[in-house]
Structures are given as C-alpha cells and as structure tokens.
Amino acid sequence: MEDYIVRATAAGAQIRAFAATTKNLVETARQAHNTSPVATAALGRLLTAGAMMGSMMKGENDIITLKIEGNGPIEGLTVTADSKADVKGYAFNPNVLIHANDKGKLDVAGALGIGVLSVIKDIGLKEPYVGQTILVTSEIAEDLTYYFATSEQTPSSVALGVLMNKENTVRQAGGFIIQLMPDAEDEIITKLEERLKEITSITSMLDEGYTPEMILEKLLGDMELEILDKIPTRFYCNCSKHRVEKAIVSLGRKDLTELIEANEPIEVKCHFCNTAYKFSVDELKDIIKRSDR
C-alpha cells in the first residue's frame, strides 16, 4: 500500500479528522539513518505526526517543525514537513538500544525520557510561531494531544504507531488525529470519547488490513463522515550539494583556508537524510573565490 493521508470532517463539521498510513516513509527513514528498533519507532511516530500536521498547513510554502528534546538516551528527535505532506527527520542518537518496557513493547518513553516538545510553524511571517509543552508521557501521541489542548486550545485525540518485523524492518506505521471544533455539541463529544475507547492499537488495525479510510469509518462512520481529500505522503529531503555549499561558506574564510591547507577533501552529511556530499580541495578553493566576489 502506498503511503497517504486522508482528511475528513464529521458531525456536520463539528469534527475534523486525519488518518495516515506511513510504512514506506518510516522504512525509508530507517534505512537512511540506520536506526535501532526503538529509534525507528520514536522517529516513525513523529514523522507520521509531522506529515499529518504538515497537511493541515494552508500556504504552499508553509513549514512545520516538530522537535523533542529529552534526557533519555535517544536525546531528541527533529522532524520537518511541508503542506504537501513531504516529511524528513532524524534522531539525535539513532543507534540507541534499551530493554523493552513492562508490556514487552519498544520503550519509546524510556528512550526519550523527560523533556520538551516544540512545534514551530513557519507561515511566511517575520517570526515563526513556536509552541512548547512538557512531555507528559514521552510516548509522543499523548504529548501531541496535550500540545493541541494547551497551545492551540483544540481538544484532540492523537494515535501514532510503528510495528517492526523481526529483522527490524518496518511492518506497519500510521496514525490519526481527531479534533473537536469549538462548536462541538456535548452529545457528539461523548459519542466520540466512547468510540475512541474501542481503539486499542493503531498498528494492530493497520496490520489487520485497515486503510486510513476504514480507520475513520470505524471511528466516525455513523457521524456523517465525509472524506474530503487523499494526500500522498513521503520521506523527502530537498538537500543538494549547492545547499550544503552555502553551509560551508558560513564557516568563514579562516576555517575554509585551514581545510585547504590540510590538503584533504571534506565530506558533509545532511542531518535529515544522511546523504554525504564530498568537496575536493579545488572545490573548496572555488568556494572561497566565489564568496569573495
């Protein structure tokens, strides 16, 4: 199945909903960063959330960044997505290995520890919007639910999951975000709360063959569910040698000269996709010449 997000409304637009299947993009991230199973699960959850939250952005050039910093061994995660649901990201320590939690599951909360979730929205204004909350459980979905309630005053339910194969490839990944609009009636709120209690695991639903449409049908099918859109999503990084060259220029003439005098080519890796860009000594000399113009 290809990765995609469905956008929907229900209960006469009192509810808006997003559901996604993201197995391929999470597996692409795993391969790019050679992440351990628990790092794959943590990064995959945040990538899935980033893709859905990116698709909520209205402007063509709008960008959303989700950043988690914690005191656990993974140290942190950064994910960036655009309004087309192209998403990229990385774990600060992609190789972290820890024991399973007491339920026998990958211990994402233990890997992240205590910390802070930041949501940065760049919508073309002078300054980006920045919302921050503490990590309430460090399971990511609950932390985003808390963020929506406290920073955006939008009651929400967020579910995110990554299921791994025994050989540590990604078996399933996906999630949903269900949000109540300000005019939501008490009857609708109660009905939605009861329905959400029936969902035990998003990954088990995906593993049973549920599509994003079927997930929303199960949750909202008897509440005038209306599917509005189907949006493809992918792990995509827009880095290039030219962009990396700009970063090298920012090192300054002194540092560049020292690199040239060492007479060694340099290799620079993109944080987001781990692509390596090599620059020969002659290329470094050309960069200095161009920066002097």
Protein backbone atom coordinates (compact mmCIF):
# COMPACT_ATOMS: atom_id res chain seq x y z
CA MET A 1 0.00 0.00 0.00
CA GLU A 2 1.27 3.47 -0.86
CA ASP A 3 1.64 5.99 1.94
CA TYR A 4 -1.12 8.58 2.14
CA ILE A 5 -3.22 10.74 4.45
CA VAL A 6 -6.98 11.17 4.32
CA ARG A 7 -8.58 14.39 5.51
CA ALA A 8 -12.20 14.32 6.62
CA THR A 9 -14.96 16.01 8.59
CA ALA A 10 -17.82 14.51 10.59
CA ALA A 11 -20.86 15.53 12.61
CA GLY A 12 -21.63 18.47 10.34
CA ALA A 13 -18.03 19.79 10.54
CA GLN A 14 -18.01 19.61 14.38
CA ILE A 15 -15.14 17.15 14.00
CA ARG A 16 -12.15 17.22 11.69
CA ALA A 17 -10.03 14.14 11.20
CA PHE A 18 -6.81 12.94 9.62
CA ALA A 19 -5.61 9.35 9.25
CA ALA A 20 -2.41 8.11 7.66
CA THR A 21 -0.51 5.02 6.61
CA THR A 22 3.24 5.70 6.58
CA LYS A 23 5.04 2.35 6.43
CA ASN A 24 7.18 3.24 3.40
CA LEU A 25 8.30 6.66 4.59
CA VAL A 26 9.26 5.29 8.03
CA GLU A 27 11.18 2.43 6.40
CA THR A 28 12.96 4.97 4.14
CA ALA A 29 13.97 6.94 7.24
CA ARG A 30 15.14 3.75 8.96
CA GLN A 31 17.36 2.87 6.00
CA ALA A 32 18.71 6.43 5.65
CA HIS A 33 19.73 6.70 9.30
CA ASN A 34 20.28 3.01 10.13
CA THR A 35 18.14 3.50 13.23
CA SER A 36 17.81 0.94 16.00
CA PRO A 37 14.30 -0.52 16.51
CA VAL A 38 13.37 1.87 19.35
CA ALA A 39 14.76 4.87 17.43
CA THR A 40 12.79 3.75 14.36
CA ALA A 41 9.61 3.60 16.45
CA ALA A 42 10.19 7.02 18.01
CA LEU A 43 11.21 8.75 14.78
CA GLY A 44 8.45 6.97 12.84
CA ARG A 45 5.77 8.21 15.22
CA LEU A 46 6.99 11.80 14.96
CA LEU A 47 7.36 11.58 11.16
CA THR A 48 3.76 10.34 10.91
CA ALA A 49 2.53 13.19 13.11
CA GLY A 50 4.62 15.68 11.13
CA ALA A 51 3.16 14.52 7.82
CA MET A 52 -0.42 14.90 9.09
CA MET A 53 0.27 18.26 10.73
CA GLY A 54 2.05 19.44 7.58
CA SER A 55 -1.06 18.61 5.57
CA MET A 56 -3.02 20.93 7.92
CA MET A 57 -0.92 23.91 6.80
CA LYS A 58 -2.64 26.16 4.29
CA GLY A 59 0.13 28.01 2.44
CA GLU A 60 2.16 26.35 -0.32
CA ASN A 61 5.46 27.35 1.33
CA ASP A 62 4.39 26.74 4.94
CA ILE A 63 6.72 24.55 7.01
CA ILE A 64 6.15 22.85 10.35
CA THR A 65 8.95 21.52 12.57
CA LEU A 66 8.39 19.16 15.50
CA LYS A 67 11.29 18.91 17.92
CA ILE A 68 11.57 16.73 21.01
CA GLU A 69 14.46 17.14 23.44
CA GLY A 70 14.69 14.73 26.36
CA ASN A 71 17.11 13.43 28.97
CA GLY A 72 16.83 9.83 27.72
CA PRO A 73 19.49 8.02 25.67
CA ILE A 74 17.96 9.00 22.29
CA GLU A 75 18.46 12.66 23.35
CA GLY A 76 15.97 14.04 20.85
CA LEU A 77 14.16 13.99 17.51
CA THR A 78 13.62 16.62 14.83
CA VAL A 79 11.03 16.36 12.04
CA THR A 80 10.12 18.91 9.36
CA ALA A 81 7.14 18.72 7.00
CA ASP A 82 5.56 20.94 4.36
CA SER A 83 1.95 21.47 3.30
CA LYS A 84 2.29 18.77 0.61
CA ALA A 85 2.99 16.22 3.41
CA ASP A 86 6.60 15.73 2.36
CA VAL A 87 8.43 14.99 5.60
CA LYS A 88 12.01 14.42 6.78
CA GLY A 89 13.65 13.95 10.14
CA TYR A 90 16.33 12.41 12.29
CA ALA A 91 17.08 11.07 15.76
CA PHE A 92 19.91 12.70 17.71
CA ASN A 93 21.19 9.24 18.72
CA PRO A 94 19.88 6.80 16.09
CA ASN A 95 21.69 3.76 17.50
CA VAL A 96 20.18 3.72 21.00
CA LEU A 97 19.40 0.26 22.39
CA ILE A 98 17.31 -0.21 25.52
CA HIS A 99 15.23 -3.02 27.03
CA ALA A 100 11.54 -3.38 26.16
CA ASN A 101 9.05 -1.78 28.53
CA ASP A 102 6.95 -3.75 31.03
CA LYS A 103 4.39 -4.52 28.29
CA GLY A 104 7.10 -6.09 26.14
CA LYS A 105 6.96 -3.20 23.64
CA LEU A 106 9.67 -0.91 22.30
CA ASP A 107 10.27 1.60 25.08
CA VAL A 108 9.94 4.93 23.26
CA ALA A 109 9.14 6.76 26.50
CA GLY A 110 12.26 5.36 28.16
CA ALA A 111 14.39 6.30 25.15
CA LEU A 112 13.15 9.92 25.19
CA GLY A 113 12.97 10.47 28.94
CA ILE A 114 11.75 13.73 30.49
CA GLY A 115 11.80 16.75 28.23
CA VAL A 116 10.10 19.27 25.99
CA LEU A 117 8.09 19.17 22.76
CA SER A 118 8.39 22.21 20.48
CA VAL A 119 6.15 22.91 17.48
CA ILE A 120 7.48 25.58 15.12
CA LYS A 121 5.25 26.87 12.31
CA ASP A 122 6.84 28.99 9.60
CA ILE A 123 3.96 30.51 7.65
CA GLY A 124 5.84 33.35 5.98
CA LEU A 125 5.57 35.92 8.78
CA LYS A 126 8.56 37.79 10.24
CA GLU A 127 8.82 35.34 13.10
CA PRO A 128 7.69 31.70 13.16
CA TYR A 129 5.05 30.61 15.68
CA VAL A 130 6.59 28.49 18.45
CA GLY A 131 4.52 26.40 20.85
CA GLN A 132 6.13 24.38 23.64
CA THR A 133 4.87 21.84 26.15
CA ILE A 134 6.46 19.36 28.50
CA LEU A 135 6.49 15.70 27.56
CA VAL A 136 3.62 14.30 29.62
CA THR A 137 4.29 10.62 28.86
CA SER A 138 7.08 10.73 26.23
CA GLU A 139 5.01 8.32 24.11
CA ILE A 140 4.65 11.19 21.52
CA ALA A 141 0.94 10.72 20.69
CA GLU A 142 -0.16 11.72 24.20
CA ASP A 143 2.34 14.58 24.18
CA LEU A 144 0.86 15.94 20.95
CA THR A 145 -2.66 15.52 22.36
CA TYR A 146 -1.54 17.67 25.31
CA TYR A 147 0.10 20.19 22.96
CA PHE A 148 -3.09 20.65 20.91
CA ALA A 149 -5.15 21.15 24.08
CA THR A 150 -2.81 23.61 25.79
CA SER A 151 -1.12 25.52 22.95
CA GLU A 152 -3.83 25.51 20.27
CA GLN A 153 -6.88 25.12 22.55
CA THR A 154 -8.12 22.31 20.29
CA PRO A 155 -9.34 19.16 22.07
CA SER A 156 -7.76 16.33 20.09
CA SER A 157 -7.04 12.63 20.13
CA VAL A 158 -3.75 11.55 18.57
CA ALA A 159 -2.77 7.93 17.87
CA LEU A 160 0.61 7.01 16.39
CA GLY A 161 2.29 3.66 15.96
CA VAL A 162 5.18 1.78 14.35
CA LEU A 163 5.26 -2.02 14.22
CA MET A 164 8.57 -3.74 13.45
CA ASN A 165 9.35 -7.04 11.77
CA LYS A 166 11.71 -9.49 13.47
CA GLU A 167 14.51 -8.48 11.09
CA ASN A 168 13.94 -4.88 12.26
CA THR A 169 12.35 -3.55 9.06
CA VAL A 170 9.09 -1.60 9.36
CA ARG A 171 5.99 -3.81 9.22
CA GLN A 172 3.34 -1.11 9.72
CA ALA A 173 3.23 2.58 10.57
CA GLY A 174 0.49 5.16 10.72
CA GLY A 175 -1.81 7.15 12.92
CA PHE A 176 -4.73 9.52 13.23
CA ILE A 177 -5.55 12.95 14.61
CA ILE A 178 -9.20 13.61 15.54
CA GLN A 179 -10.09 17.17 16.58
CA LEU A 180 -13.20 18.78 18.02
CA MET A 181 -14.19 22.15 16.60
CA PRO A 182 -15.26 24.95 19.01
CA ASP A 183 -18.97 24.42 18.27
CA ALA A 184 -18.94 20.68 19.04
CA GLU A 185 -22.05 19.61 20.98
CA ASP A 186 -21.80 17.61 24.21
CA GLU A 187 -23.61 14.66 22.63
CA ILE A 188 -21.01 14.47 19.84
CA ILE A 189 -18.13 14.79 22.31
CA THR A 190 -19.47 11.94 24.45
CA LYS A 191 -20.06 9.74 21.41
CA LEU A 192 -16.52 10.34 20.13
CA GLU A 193 -14.99 9.65 23.55
CA GLU A 194 -16.81 6.31 23.74
CA ARG A 195 -15.70 5.38 20.23
CA LEU A 196 -12.06 6.21 20.93
CA LYS A 197 -12.11 3.86 23.94
CA GLU A 198 -12.70 0.97 21.50
CA ILE A 199 -9.37 1.60 19.73
CA THR A 200 -6.61 -0.38 21.42
CA SER A 201 -3.77 -0.17 18.89
CA ILE A 202 -3.43 1.73 15.62
CA THR A 203 -0.73 -0.66 14.38
CA SER A 204 -2.87 -3.76 15.00
CA MET A 205 -5.64 -2.16 12.91
CA LEU A 206 -3.19 -1.44 10.10
CA ASP A 207 -1.82 -4.99 10.38
CA GLU A 208 -5.36 -6.33 10.04
CA GLY A 209 -5.62 -4.50 6.71
CA TYR A 210 -7.39 -1.31 7.77
CA THR A 211 -6.83 1.60 5.41
CA PRO A 212 -6.92 5.22 6.67
CA GLU A 213 -10.47 5.48 5.27
CA MET A 214 -11.53 2.35 7.15
CA ILE A 215 -10.00 3.66 10.39
CA LEU A 216 -12.05 6.86 10.14
CA GLU A 217 -15.11 4.83 9.15
CA LYS A 218 -14.75 2.79 12.35
CA LEU A 219 -14.40 5.94 14.45
CA LEU A 220 -16.82 8.30 12.73
CA GLY A 221 -18.84 6.24 10.26
CA ASP A 222 -22.19 6.92 11.94
CA MET A 223 -21.45 10.64 12.42
CA GLU A 224 -21.91 11.88 8.84
CA LEU A 225 -18.30 11.13 7.92
CA GLU A 226 -17.20 12.98 4.79
CA ILE A 227 -13.81 12.18 3.23
CA LEU A 228 -12.51 15.44 1.75
CA ASP A 229 -9.09 14.60 0.41
CA LYS A 230 -6.46 11.91 -0.11
CA ILE A 231 -2.91 13.26 0.10
CA PRO A 232 0.21 11.26 -0.80
CA THR A 233 2.99 11.48 1.79
CA ARG A 234 6.66 10.53 1.59
CA PHE A 235 10.05 10.86 3.27
CA TYR A 236 11.65 13.55 1.15
CA CYS A 237 14.69 15.77 1.70
CA ASN A 238 15.36 18.79 -0.50
CA CYS A 239 19.07 18.95 0.29
CA SER A 240 21.58 19.37 -2.55
CA LYS A 241 25.30 19.96 -2.98
CA HIS A 242 24.54 23.63 -3.70
CA ARG A 243 22.65 23.99 -0.38
CA VAL A 244 25.46 22.28 1.51
CA GLU A 245 27.95 24.63 -0.17
CA LYS A 246 26.08 27.57 1.36
CA ALA A 247 26.59 25.99 4.79
CA ILE A 248 30.30 25.59 4.09
CA VAL A 249 30.56 29.29 3.16
CA SER A 250 29.13 30.14 6.59
CA LEU A 251 32.22 28.53 8.19
CA GLY A 252 34.15 31.68 7.26
CA ARG A 253 37.34 32.28 5.31
CA LYS A 254 39.69 31.35 8.17
CA ASP A 255 38.24 27.85 8.70
CA LEU A 256 37.98 27.21 4.96
CA THR A 257 41.63 28.21 4.48
CA GLU A 258 42.67 25.78 7.23
CA LEU A 259 40.77 22.97 5.49
CA ILE A 260 42.51 23.77 2.20
CA GLU A 261 45.94 23.90 3.86
CA ALA A 262 45.32 20.45 5.29
CA ASN A 263 45.04 19.34 1.62
CA GLU A 264 42.24 16.91 2.44
CA PRO A 265 38.84 16.68 0.76
CA ILE A 266 35.91 17.04 3.19
CA GLU A 267 32.63 15.20 3.49
CA VAL A 268 29.48 16.85 4.81
CA LYS A 269 26.37 14.83 5.69
CA CYS A 270 22.81 16.13 5.66
CA HIS A 271 21.27 15.73 9.14
CA PHE A 272 17.84 14.96 7.73
CA CYS A 273 18.59 12.24 5.16
CA ASN A 274 22.24 11.30 5.87
CA THR A 275 23.28 11.93 2.24
CA ALA A 276 27.04 12.58 2.07
CA TYR A 277 28.43 15.39 -0.10
CA LYS A 278 32.15 15.41 -0.87
CA PHE A 279 34.16 18.55 -1.65
CA SER A 280 37.65 18.34 -3.10
CA VAL A 281 40.38 20.83 -2.19
CA ASP A 282 39.91 22.53 -5.59
CA GLU A 283 36.17 22.86 -4.92
CA LEU A 284 36.92 24.45 -1.54
CA LYS A 285 39.24 26.92 -3.27
CA ASP A 286 36.46 27.78 -5.74
CA ILE A 287 34.03 28.32 -2.84
CA ILE A 288 36.42 30.87 -1.29
CA LYS A 289 36.83 32.64 -4.64
CA ARG A 290 33.05 32.88 -5.14
CA SER A 291 32.49 34.08 -1.58
CA ASP A 292 35.00 36.92 -2.16
CA ARG A 293 33.01 38.30 -5.06
